Amino acid sequence: MKFKVVMITGDNARTANAVAEQIGIENVLAEVLPQDKANEVKKLQERGAVVAFVGDGINDAPALAQADVGIAIGSGTDIAIESGEIVLIKDDLIDAVAAVQLGKKVMSRIKLNIFWAFAYNAALIPVAAGILYPVFNITFKPELAGLAMAMSSVTVVTLSLLLKRYVPPAKKRGKKTKGGDEYGDRSGM
């Protein structure tokens, strides 16, 4: 996804680097005190970065609150869950990726809905006001204008409901379970 990923952890450097290597993280800040995690997030923000922070413990709460987007793992502590804007139900890193992908899809759908709402209004309000009457002698009956406005709403709601079928690409790939031949949850988050 072309994000710069940094692991900020209180764990010792050896453990942190081993985990980072397994999941493909190159930048690791280990042995960071809880209050310093929020400071590290702030430093990244001061450099112009938009920061999403994933955490699960009491020591992550200040960093979750400082981040532009706090992603709390649902199996974590209550204070971490309260500090995050997004709460993942399972403690699977793929869900953090899927949450970002879902967020991007929702934003694109919001933009599409705004486009269609403006298009409907830009086209039909002048028609309802009688712009076609002087040239074509056509009027728009009030009940048809009401139907057109209802159809505008139906279009926007239908486009939004289509998001229920959206499965983030991170979830589509699935993952093999311990049994080895079944694929993981494909229903989203």
N, C-alpha and C. Protein backbone atom coordinates (compact mmCIF):
# COMPACT_ATOMS: atom_id res chain seq x y z
N MET A 1 0.83 -1.21 0.00
CA MET A 1 0.00 0.00 0.00
C MET A 1 0.86 1.25 0.00
N LYS A 2 2.16 1.08 -0.04
CA LYS A 2 3.11 2.18 -0.12
C LYS A 2 3.09 3.09 1.12
N PHE A 3 2.80 2.50 2.28
CA PHE A 3 2.88 3.23 3.53
C PHE A 3 4.25 3.00 4.14
N LYS A 4 4.74 4.01 4.86
CA LYS A 4 5.96 3.82 5.62
C LYS A 4 5.54 3.27 6.98
N VAL A 5 5.99 2.07 7.30
CA VAL A 5 5.58 1.41 8.53
C VAL A 5 6.74 1.44 9.52
N VAL A 6 6.43 1.86 10.74
CA VAL A 6 7.42 1.92 11.81
C VAL A 6 6.86 1.15 13.00
N MET A 7 7.67 0.25 13.56
CA MET A 7 7.26 -0.44 14.78
C MET A 7 7.83 0.33 15.96
N ILE A 8 6.94 0.76 16.86
CA ILE A 8 7.34 1.44 18.08
C ILE A 8 6.90 0.54 19.23
N THR A 9 7.84 -0.02 19.95
CA THR A 9 7.51 -0.99 20.98
C THR A 9 8.37 -0.82 22.22
N GLY A 10 7.82 -1.27 23.32
CA GLY A 10 8.56 -1.26 24.57
C GLY A 10 9.41 -2.51 24.73
N ASP A 11 9.22 -3.48 23.83
CA ASP A 11 10.00 -4.72 23.91
C ASP A 11 11.47 -4.46 23.64
N ASN A 12 12.30 -5.43 24.02
CA ASN A 12 13.73 -5.27 23.77
C ASN A 12 14.01 -5.36 22.27
N ALA A 13 15.14 -4.82 21.88
CA ALA A 13 15.47 -4.69 20.46
C ALA A 13 15.52 -6.03 19.75
N ARG A 14 16.05 -7.04 20.42
CA ARG A 14 16.18 -8.36 19.79
C ARG A 14 14.81 -8.94 19.44
N THR A 15 13.88 -8.90 20.38
CA THR A 15 12.53 -9.41 20.15
C THR A 15 11.83 -8.57 19.08
N ALA A 16 11.93 -7.26 19.20
CA ALA A 16 11.27 -6.36 18.24
C ALA A 16 11.77 -6.60 16.82
N ASN A 17 13.06 -6.73 16.66
CA ASN A 17 13.63 -6.97 15.32
C ASN A 17 13.22 -8.32 14.76
N ALA A 18 13.11 -9.33 15.61
CA ALA A 18 12.68 -10.66 15.15
C ALA A 18 11.24 -10.62 14.64
N VAL A 19 10.37 -9.95 15.38
CA VAL A 19 8.96 -9.83 14.96
C VAL A 19 8.87 -8.98 13.70
N ALA A 20 9.59 -7.88 13.68
CA ALA A 20 9.56 -6.97 12.52
C ALA A 20 10.02 -7.69 11.26
N GLU A 21 11.02 -8.53 11.39
CA GLU A 21 11.52 -9.28 10.24
C GLU A 21 10.46 -10.24 9.70
N GLN A 22 9.71 -10.87 10.61
CA GLN A 22 8.66 -11.81 10.20
C GLN A 22 7.55 -11.14 9.41
N ILE A 23 7.22 -9.90 9.76
CA ILE A 23 6.09 -9.24 9.09
C ILE A 23 6.52 -8.16 8.10
N GLY A 24 7.82 -8.03 7.89
CA GLY A 24 8.31 -7.14 6.83
C GLY A 24 8.44 -5.68 7.20
N ILE A 25 8.64 -5.38 8.47
CA ILE A 25 8.82 -4.00 8.90
C ILE A 25 10.32 -3.71 8.99
N GLU A 26 10.75 -2.65 8.33
CA GLU A 26 12.17 -2.31 8.31
C GLU A 26 12.58 -1.32 9.40
N ASN A 27 11.68 -0.41 9.76
CA ASN A 27 12.00 0.63 10.75
C ASN A 27 11.46 0.22 12.11
N VAL A 28 12.36 0.04 13.07
CA VAL A 28 11.99 -0.44 14.40
C VAL A 28 12.55 0.50 15.46
N LEU A 29 11.68 0.95 16.37
CA LEU A 29 12.09 1.70 17.55
C LEU A 29 11.73 0.82 18.74
N ALA A 30 12.73 0.24 19.38
CA ALA A 30 12.50 -0.69 20.48
C ALA A 30 12.84 -0.05 21.82
N GLU A 31 12.38 -0.69 22.89
CA GLU A 31 12.62 -0.26 24.26
C GLU A 31 12.15 1.19 24.50
N VAL A 32 11.04 1.52 23.89
CA VAL A 32 10.47 2.87 24.01
C VAL A 32 9.51 2.87 25.19
N LEU A 33 9.66 3.82 26.08
CA LEU A 33 8.78 3.95 27.23
C LEU A 33 7.39 4.39 26.79
N PRO A 34 6.34 4.05 27.56
CA PRO A 34 4.97 4.38 27.15
C PRO A 34 4.76 5.85 26.79
N GLN A 35 5.27 6.77 27.62
CA GLN A 35 5.09 8.19 27.34
C GLN A 35 5.86 8.62 26.10
N ASP A 36 6.93 7.90 25.79
CA ASP A 36 7.73 8.25 24.62
C ASP A 36 7.11 7.77 23.31
N LYS A 37 6.19 6.79 23.39
CA LYS A 37 5.50 6.34 22.18
C LYS A 37 4.70 7.49 21.58
N ALA A 38 3.98 8.21 22.43
CA ALA A 38 3.20 9.36 21.96
C ALA A 38 4.14 10.44 21.40
N ASN A 39 5.30 10.62 22.02
CA ASN A 39 6.27 11.60 21.52
C ASN A 39 6.79 11.20 20.15
N GLU A 40 7.03 9.91 19.95
CA GLU A 40 7.50 9.43 18.64
C GLU A 40 6.43 9.66 17.57
N VAL A 41 5.17 9.43 17.93
CA VAL A 41 4.08 9.70 17.00
C VAL A 41 4.04 11.19 16.66
N LYS A 42 4.20 12.02 17.68
CA LYS A 42 4.20 13.48 17.48
C LYS A 42 5.35 13.91 16.57
N LYS A 43 6.53 13.30 16.74
CA LYS A 43 7.68 13.63 15.88
C LYS A 43 7.37 13.30 14.43
N LEU A 44 6.74 12.15 14.19
CA LEU A 44 6.37 11.77 12.83
C LEU A 44 5.37 12.78 12.24
N GLN A 45 4.41 13.21 13.05
CA GLN A 45 3.42 14.19 12.60
C GLN A 45 4.07 15.53 12.29
N GLU A 46 5.04 15.93 13.10
CA GLU A 46 5.73 17.20 12.87
C GLU A 46 6.51 17.19 11.56
N ARG A 47 6.89 16.00 11.11
CA ARG A 47 7.58 15.85 9.82
C ARG A 47 6.59 15.78 8.65
N GLY A 48 5.31 15.94 8.96
CA GLY A 48 4.30 15.96 7.91
C GLY A 48 3.61 14.64 7.66
N ALA A 49 3.92 13.63 8.45
CA ALA A 49 3.30 12.32 8.25
C ALA A 49 1.90 12.28 8.86
N VAL A 50 1.01 11.58 8.19
CA VAL A 50 -0.28 11.25 8.77
C VAL A 50 -0.08 9.89 9.41
N VAL A 51 -0.34 9.80 10.72
CA VAL A 51 0.03 8.62 11.47
C VAL A 51 -1.19 7.82 11.91
N ALA A 52 -1.15 6.54 11.58
CA ALA A 52 -2.10 5.57 12.14
C ALA A 52 -1.28 4.72 13.10
N PHE A 53 -1.78 4.55 14.31
CA PHE A 53 -1.06 3.79 15.33
C PHE A 53 -1.92 2.61 15.75
N VAL A 54 -1.34 1.42 15.75
CA VAL A 54 -2.03 0.21 16.17
C VAL A 54 -1.49 -0.19 17.53
N GLY A 55 -2.38 -0.37 18.51
CA GLY A 55 -1.93 -0.74 19.84
C GLY A 55 -3.00 -1.47 20.62
N ASP A 56 -2.58 -2.10 21.72
CA ASP A 56 -3.54 -2.88 22.51
C ASP A 56 -3.43 -2.70 24.01
N GLY A 57 -2.42 -2.03 24.49
CA GLY A 57 -2.21 -1.97 25.93
C GLY A 57 -2.37 -0.60 26.54
N ILE A 58 -2.29 -0.57 27.86
CA ILE A 58 -2.37 0.69 28.60
C ILE A 58 -1.26 1.63 28.13
N ASN A 59 -0.10 1.05 27.89
CA ASN A 59 1.04 1.87 27.47
C ASN A 59 0.89 2.42 26.05
N ASP A 60 -0.07 1.92 25.28
CA ASP A 60 -0.30 2.42 23.93
C ASP A 60 -1.35 3.53 23.88
N ALA A 61 -2.11 3.69 24.94
CA ALA A 61 -3.23 4.64 24.94
C ALA A 61 -2.81 6.07 24.58
N PRO A 62 -1.72 6.62 25.16
CA PRO A 62 -1.34 7.98 24.77
C PRO A 62 -0.98 8.10 23.27
N ALA A 63 -0.31 7.10 22.73
CA ALA A 63 0.05 7.13 21.30
C ALA A 63 -1.19 6.96 20.43
N LEU A 64 -2.13 6.12 20.85
CA LEU A 64 -3.39 5.96 20.11
C LEU A 64 -4.15 7.29 20.06
N ALA A 65 -4.15 8.01 21.18
CA ALA A 65 -4.83 9.30 21.24
C ALA A 65 -4.10 10.36 20.41
N GLN A 66 -2.78 10.32 20.39
CA GLN A 66 -1.98 11.30 19.65
C GLN A 66 -2.06 11.09 18.14
N ALA A 67 -2.17 9.86 17.71
CA ALA A 67 -2.16 9.53 16.28
C ALA A 67 -3.36 10.15 15.57
N ASP A 68 -3.20 10.36 14.26
CA ASP A 68 -4.31 10.84 13.45
C ASP A 68 -5.44 9.81 13.41
N VAL A 69 -5.05 8.55 13.38
CA VAL A 69 -6.00 7.44 13.45
C VAL A 69 -5.46 6.42 14.44
N GLY A 70 -6.20 6.18 15.50
CA GLY A 70 -5.82 5.18 16.47
C GLY A 70 -6.58 3.89 16.19
N ILE A 71 -5.85 2.80 16.02
CA ILE A 71 -6.46 1.50 15.75
C ILE A 71 -6.17 0.61 16.95
N ALA A 72 -7.21 0.36 17.74
CA ALA A 72 -7.05 -0.46 18.94
C ALA A 72 -7.45 -1.89 18.63
N ILE A 73 -6.72 -2.81 19.20
CA ILE A 73 -7.04 -4.22 19.04
C ILE A 73 -8.04 -4.59 20.13
N GLY A 74 -9.17 -5.17 19.71
CA GLY A 74 -10.29 -5.43 20.60
C GLY A 74 -9.98 -6.31 21.79
N SER A 75 -8.98 -7.16 21.67
CA SER A 75 -8.61 -8.02 22.80
C SER A 75 -7.71 -7.28 23.79
N GLY A 76 -7.44 -6.02 23.52
CA GLY A 76 -6.56 -5.22 24.38
C GLY A 76 -7.29 -4.65 25.58
N THR A 77 -6.63 -3.73 26.25
CA THR A 77 -7.20 -3.13 27.46
C THR A 77 -8.30 -2.14 27.12
N ASP A 78 -9.16 -1.90 28.10
CA ASP A 78 -10.28 -0.97 27.91
C ASP A 78 -9.80 0.43 27.55
N ILE A 79 -8.72 0.88 28.20
CA ILE A 79 -8.24 2.24 27.93
C ILE A 79 -7.71 2.37 26.51
N ALA A 80 -7.09 1.32 26.00
CA ALA A 80 -6.61 1.34 24.61
C ALA A 80 -7.80 1.38 23.67
N ILE A 81 -8.83 0.60 23.95
CA ILE A 81 -10.02 0.57 23.11
C ILE A 81 -10.70 1.93 23.11
N GLU A 82 -10.77 2.57 24.30
CA GLU A 82 -11.38 3.91 24.39
C GLU A 82 -10.56 4.96 23.65
N SER A 83 -9.25 4.78 23.56
CA SER A 83 -8.37 5.77 22.94
C SER A 83 -8.36 5.68 21.42
N GLY A 84 -8.73 4.55 20.87
CA GLY A 84 -8.69 4.37 19.42
C GLY A 84 -9.96 4.79 18.73
N GLU A 85 -9.83 5.21 17.48
CA GLU A 85 -11.01 5.54 16.67
C GLU A 85 -11.57 4.30 15.99
N ILE A 86 -10.70 3.34 15.74
CA ILE A 86 -11.09 2.08 15.12
C ILE A 86 -10.75 0.98 16.12
N VAL A 87 -11.67 0.05 16.32
CA VAL A 87 -11.41 -1.08 17.20
C VAL A 87 -11.54 -2.36 16.37
N LEU A 88 -10.46 -3.12 16.32
CA LEU A 88 -10.46 -4.39 15.59
C LEU A 88 -10.99 -5.49 16.51
N ILE A 89 -11.87 -6.31 15.98
CA ILE A 89 -12.47 -7.36 16.79
C ILE A 89 -11.45 -8.44 17.12
N LYS A 90 -10.69 -8.86 16.12
CA LYS A 90 -9.69 -9.91 16.33
C LYS A 90 -8.31 -9.27 16.44
N ASP A 91 -7.36 -10.02 16.94
CA ASP A 91 -6.00 -9.49 17.05
C ASP A 91 -5.14 -10.03 15.90
N ASP A 92 -5.56 -9.66 14.69
CA ASP A 92 -4.88 -10.08 13.47
C ASP A 92 -4.42 -8.82 12.73
N LEU A 93 -3.14 -8.73 12.41
CA LEU A 93 -2.62 -7.55 11.73
C LEU A 93 -3.27 -7.31 10.36
N ILE A 94 -3.73 -8.37 9.72
CA ILE A 94 -4.41 -8.23 8.43
C ILE A 94 -5.66 -7.34 8.58
N ASP A 95 -6.30 -7.39 9.76
CA ASP A 95 -7.48 -6.56 9.98
C ASP A 95 -7.15 -5.07 9.98
N ALA A 96 -5.94 -4.71 10.41
CA ALA A 96 -5.54 -3.30 10.36
C ALA A 96 -5.42 -2.85 8.91
N VAL A 97 -4.86 -3.69 8.07
CA VAL A 97 -4.75 -3.38 6.63
C VAL A 97 -6.14 -3.31 6.03
N ALA A 98 -6.99 -4.28 6.36
CA ALA A 98 -8.36 -4.30 5.83
C ALA A 98 -9.13 -3.06 6.27
N ALA A 99 -8.90 -2.58 7.50
CA ALA A 99 -9.58 -1.37 7.98
C ALA A 99 -9.20 -0.16 7.14
N VAL A 100 -7.93 -0.05 6.79
CA VAL A 100 -7.47 1.06 5.95
C VAL A 100 -8.11 0.95 4.56
N GLN A 101 -8.13 -0.25 3.99
CA GLN A 101 -8.72 -0.45 2.67
C GLN A 101 -10.22 -0.14 2.70
N LEU A 102 -10.90 -0.56 3.75
CA LEU A 102 -12.33 -0.27 3.88
C LEU A 102 -12.56 1.23 4.01
N GLY A 103 -11.72 1.90 4.79
CA GLY A 103 -11.84 3.35 4.94
C GLY A 103 -11.69 4.07 3.61
N LYS A 104 -10.74 3.64 2.79
CA LYS A 104 -10.55 4.25 1.46
C LYS A 104 -11.77 4.00 0.58
N LYS A 105 -12.33 2.81 0.65
CA LYS A 105 -13.51 2.48 -0.15
C LYS A 105 -14.71 3.33 0.29
N VAL A 106 -14.87 3.48 1.59
CA VAL A 106 -15.99 4.30 2.10
C VAL A 106 -15.84 5.75 1.64
N MET A 107 -14.62 6.29 1.71
CA MET A 107 -14.42 7.67 1.26
C MET A 107 -14.71 7.82 -0.23
N SER A 108 -14.31 6.85 -1.03
CA SER A 108 -14.59 6.95 -2.47
C SER A 108 -16.10 6.84 -2.71
N ARG A 109 -16.80 6.05 -1.90
CA ARG A 109 -18.25 5.94 -2.06
C ARG A 109 -18.94 7.23 -1.64
N ILE A 110 -18.44 7.87 -0.60
CA ILE A 110 -19.01 9.16 -0.17
C ILE A 110 -18.86 10.18 -1.31
N LYS A 111 -17.70 10.22 -1.94
CA LYS A 111 -17.48 11.15 -3.06
C LYS A 111 -18.41 10.83 -4.22
N LEU A 112 -18.61 9.55 -4.51
CA LEU A 112 -19.51 9.15 -5.58
C LEU A 112 -20.95 9.56 -5.25
N ASN A 113 -21.36 9.37 -4.00
CA ASN A 113 -22.71 9.78 -3.58
C ASN A 113 -22.90 11.29 -3.70
N ILE A 114 -21.89 12.05 -3.31
CA ILE A 114 -21.99 13.51 -3.44
C ILE A 114 -22.11 13.90 -4.91
N PHE A 115 -21.33 13.26 -5.77
CA PHE A 115 -21.41 13.54 -7.21
C PHE A 115 -22.83 13.30 -7.73
N TRP A 116 -23.41 12.13 -7.42
CA TRP A 116 -24.74 11.82 -7.93
C TRP A 116 -25.80 12.76 -7.34
N ALA A 117 -25.67 13.11 -6.07
CA ALA A 117 -26.64 14.04 -5.47
C ALA A 117 -26.57 15.40 -6.15
N PHE A 118 -25.34 15.89 -6.40
CA PHE A 118 -25.20 17.17 -7.11
C PHE A 118 -25.68 17.07 -8.55
N ALA A 119 -25.39 15.96 -9.21
CA ALA A 119 -25.82 15.79 -10.61
C ALA A 119 -27.34 15.80 -10.71
N TYR A 120 -28.00 15.05 -9.83
CA TYR A 120 -29.46 15.05 -9.82
C TYR A 120 -30.01 16.46 -9.62
N ASN A 121 -29.47 17.13 -8.59
CA ASN A 121 -29.98 18.46 -8.28
C ASN A 121 -29.65 19.47 -9.37
N ALA A 122 -28.46 19.39 -9.92
CA ALA A 122 -28.08 20.34 -10.97
C ALA A 122 -28.95 20.16 -12.21
N ALA A 123 -29.33 18.93 -12.49
CA ALA A 123 -30.14 18.68 -13.69
C ALA A 123 -31.63 18.93 -13.44
N LEU A 124 -32.13 18.50 -12.32
CA LEU A 124 -33.58 18.48 -12.13
C LEU A 124 -34.17 19.71 -11.45
N ILE A 125 -33.42 20.44 -10.67
CA ILE A 125 -33.98 21.64 -10.04
C ILE A 125 -34.33 22.69 -11.11
N PRO A 126 -33.46 22.95 -12.08
CA PRO A 126 -33.86 23.90 -13.13
C PRO A 126 -35.08 23.41 -13.93
N VAL A 127 -35.16 22.10 -14.16
CA VAL A 127 -36.32 21.55 -14.88
C VAL A 127 -37.58 21.75 -14.05
N ALA A 128 -37.49 21.47 -12.73
CA ALA A 128 -38.64 21.67 -11.85
C ALA A 128 -39.03 23.14 -11.75
N ALA A 129 -38.05 24.02 -11.90
CA ALA A 129 -38.32 25.47 -11.85
C ALA A 129 -38.94 25.98 -13.14
N GLY A 130 -38.96 25.16 -14.19
CA GLY A 130 -39.62 25.55 -15.43
C GLY A 130 -38.71 26.01 -16.54
N ILE A 131 -37.45 25.66 -16.50
CA ILE A 131 -36.51 26.11 -17.53
C ILE A 131 -36.87 25.60 -18.93
N LEU A 132 -37.57 24.45 -19.00
CA LEU A 132 -37.96 23.89 -20.30
C LEU A 132 -39.27 24.47 -20.84
N TYR A 133 -40.01 25.18 -20.02
CA TYR A 133 -41.31 25.69 -20.43
C TYR A 133 -41.26 26.72 -21.56
N PRO A 134 -40.38 27.73 -21.50
CA PRO A 134 -40.38 28.73 -22.57
C PRO A 134 -40.03 28.15 -23.94
N VAL A 135 -39.17 27.17 -24.01
CA VAL A 135 -38.73 26.64 -25.30
C VAL A 135 -39.59 25.46 -25.76
N PHE A 136 -39.86 24.52 -24.86
CA PHE A 136 -40.54 23.27 -25.24
C PHE A 136 -41.97 23.16 -24.69
N ASN A 137 -42.39 24.14 -23.90
CA ASN A 137 -43.72 24.14 -23.28
C ASN A 137 -43.91 22.90 -22.38
N ILE A 138 -42.83 22.51 -21.71
CA ILE A 138 -42.86 21.34 -20.81
C ILE A 138 -42.76 21.83 -19.38
N THR A 139 -43.69 21.34 -18.55
CA THR A 139 -43.63 21.63 -17.11
C THR A 139 -43.41 20.33 -16.36
N PHE A 140 -42.86 20.46 -15.21
CA PHE A 140 -42.55 19.31 -14.35
C PHE A 140 -43.58 19.33 -13.23
N LYS A 141 -44.47 18.36 -13.22
CA LYS A 141 -45.51 18.32 -12.18
C LYS A 141 -44.86 18.12 -10.81
N PRO A 142 -45.43 18.69 -9.77
CA PRO A 142 -44.85 18.57 -8.43
C PRO A 142 -44.65 17.11 -7.99
N GLU A 143 -45.60 16.24 -8.37
CA GLU A 143 -45.44 14.85 -7.95
C GLU A 143 -44.24 14.19 -8.65
N LEU A 144 -43.95 14.59 -9.89
CA LEU A 144 -42.77 14.06 -10.59
C LEU A 144 -41.48 14.64 -9.99
N ALA A 145 -41.53 15.89 -9.59
CA ALA A 145 -40.36 16.49 -8.94
C ALA A 145 -40.06 15.76 -7.63
N GLY A 146 -41.14 15.45 -6.88
CA GLY A 146 -40.97 14.69 -5.64
C GLY A 146 -40.41 13.30 -5.91
N LEU A 147 -40.88 12.65 -6.96
CA LEU A 147 -40.38 11.33 -7.33
C LEU A 147 -38.90 11.41 -7.71
N ALA A 148 -38.53 12.44 -8.46
CA ALA A 148 -37.14 12.61 -8.87
C ALA A 148 -36.24 12.79 -7.64
N MET A 149 -36.69 13.58 -6.66
CA MET A 149 -35.90 13.77 -5.44
C MET A 149 -35.80 12.46 -4.66
N ALA A 150 -36.90 11.69 -4.64
CA ALA A 150 -36.86 10.39 -3.96
C ALA A 150 -35.89 9.45 -4.66
N MET A 151 -35.87 9.48 -5.98
CA MET A 151 -34.95 8.63 -6.74
C MET A 151 -33.49 9.03 -6.48
N SER A 152 -33.26 10.30 -6.26
CA SER A 152 -31.92 10.75 -5.89
C SER A 152 -31.50 10.09 -4.58
N SER A 153 -32.39 10.10 -3.63
CA SER A 153 -32.10 9.48 -2.34
C SER A 153 -31.92 7.97 -2.47
N VAL A 154 -32.77 7.34 -3.28
CA VAL A 154 -32.67 5.90 -3.50
C VAL A 154 -31.32 5.55 -4.13
N THR A 155 -30.86 6.35 -5.06
CA THR A 155 -29.57 6.11 -5.71
C THR A 155 -28.44 6.17 -4.69
N VAL A 156 -28.43 7.20 -3.86
CA VAL A 156 -27.38 7.37 -2.87
C VAL A 156 -27.42 6.23 -1.85
N VAL A 157 -28.60 5.88 -1.37
CA VAL A 157 -28.72 4.80 -0.38
C VAL A 157 -28.31 3.46 -0.99
N THR A 158 -28.71 3.20 -2.23
CA THR A 158 -28.34 1.94 -2.90
C THR A 158 -26.83 1.84 -3.06
N LEU A 159 -26.19 2.92 -3.50
CA LEU A 159 -24.73 2.90 -3.63
C LEU A 159 -24.06 2.64 -2.28
N SER A 160 -24.61 3.22 -1.22
CA SER A 160 -24.06 3.00 0.11
C SER A 160 -24.26 1.56 0.57
N LEU A 161 -25.43 1.00 0.30
CA LEU A 161 -25.70 -0.38 0.72
C LEU A 161 -24.82 -1.39 0.00
N LEU A 162 -24.35 -1.04 -1.18
CA LEU A 162 -23.45 -1.93 -1.90
C LEU A 162 -22.14 -2.16 -1.14
N LEU A 163 -21.82 -1.28 -0.21
CA LEU A 163 -20.62 -1.46 0.61
C LEU A 163 -20.72 -2.70 1.49
N LYS A 164 -21.94 -3.17 1.77
CA LYS A 164 -22.09 -4.38 2.59
C LYS A 164 -21.44 -5.58 1.92
N ARG A 165 -21.36 -5.56 0.60
CA ARG A 165 -20.76 -6.68 -0.13
C ARG A 165 -19.26 -6.52 -0.32
N TYR A 166 -18.73 -5.38 0.05
CA TYR A 166 -17.31 -5.12 -0.17
C TYR A 166 -16.46 -5.95 0.79
N VAL A 167 -15.50 -6.64 0.23
CA VAL A 167 -14.51 -7.38 1.02
C VAL A 167 -13.15 -6.77 0.69
N PRO A 168 -12.46 -6.21 1.68
CA PRO A 168 -11.15 -5.60 1.41
C PRO A 168 -10.20 -6.61 0.77
N PRO A 169 -9.36 -6.16 -0.15
CA PRO A 169 -8.41 -7.07 -0.81
C PRO A 169 -7.55 -7.87 0.18
N ALA A 170 -7.21 -7.28 1.32
CA ALA A 170 -6.41 -8.01 2.30
C ALA A 170 -7.15 -9.23 2.82
N LYS A 171 -8.47 -9.15 2.88
CA LYS A 171 -9.29 -10.27 3.35
C LYS A 171 -9.61 -11.25 2.23
N LYS A 172 -9.63 -10.77 0.99
CA LYS A 172 -9.95 -11.64 -0.15
C LYS A 172 -8.92 -12.74 -0.31
N ARG A 173 -7.68 -12.37 -0.11
CA ARG A 173 -6.61 -13.35 -0.27
C ARG A 173 -6.77 -14.50 0.71
N GLY A 174 -7.41 -14.18 1.85
CA GLY A 174 -7.57 -15.21 2.87
C GLY A 174 -6.23 -15.62 3.42
N LYS A 175 -6.27 -16.48 4.36
CA LYS A 175 -5.03 -17.01 4.89
C LYS A 175 -5.29 -18.44 5.29
N LYS A 176 -4.30 -19.24 5.18
CA LYS A 176 -4.47 -20.64 5.55
C LYS A 176 -4.56 -20.74 7.07
N THR A 177 -5.48 -21.59 7.50
CA THR A 177 -5.61 -21.82 8.94
C THR A 177 -4.64 -22.91 9.36
N LYS A 178 -4.65 -23.22 10.65
CA LYS A 178 -3.73 -24.24 11.15
C LYS A 178 -3.98 -25.59 10.50
N GLY A 179 -5.23 -25.83 10.03
CA GLY A 179 -5.55 -27.07 9.34
C GLY A 179 -4.84 -27.15 8.00
N GLY A 180 -4.50 -26.03 7.41
CA GLY A 180 -3.69 -25.99 6.21
C GLY A 180 -4.45 -25.89 4.91
N ASP A 181 -5.74 -26.28 4.88
CA ASP A 181 -6.40 -26.25 3.58
C ASP A 181 -7.66 -25.40 3.55
N GLU A 182 -8.03 -24.80 4.66
CA GLU A 182 -9.18 -23.92 4.66
C GLU A 182 -8.70 -22.48 4.63
N TYR A 183 -9.52 -21.64 4.05
CA TYR A 183 -9.16 -20.23 4.02
C TYR A 183 -9.85 -19.50 5.16
N GLY A 184 -9.20 -18.45 5.60
CA GLY A 184 -9.69 -17.66 6.73
C GLY A 184 -10.96 -16.92 6.40
N ASP A 185 -11.44 -16.17 7.37
CA ASP A 185 -12.66 -15.39 7.27
C ASP A 185 -12.60 -14.44 6.09
N ARG A 186 -13.59 -14.52 5.21
CA ARG A 186 -13.62 -13.65 4.03
C ARG A 186 -14.76 -12.63 4.13
N SER A 187 -15.40 -12.54 5.25
CA SER A 187 -16.56 -11.69 5.37
C SER A 187 -16.24 -10.24 5.69
N GLY A 188 -15.02 -9.86 5.77
CA GLY A 188 -14.66 -8.49 6.15
C GLY A 188 -14.14 -8.49 7.57
N MET A 189 -14.45 -7.41 8.31
CA MET A 189 -13.89 -7.32 9.66
C MET A 189 -14.94 -7.62 10.68
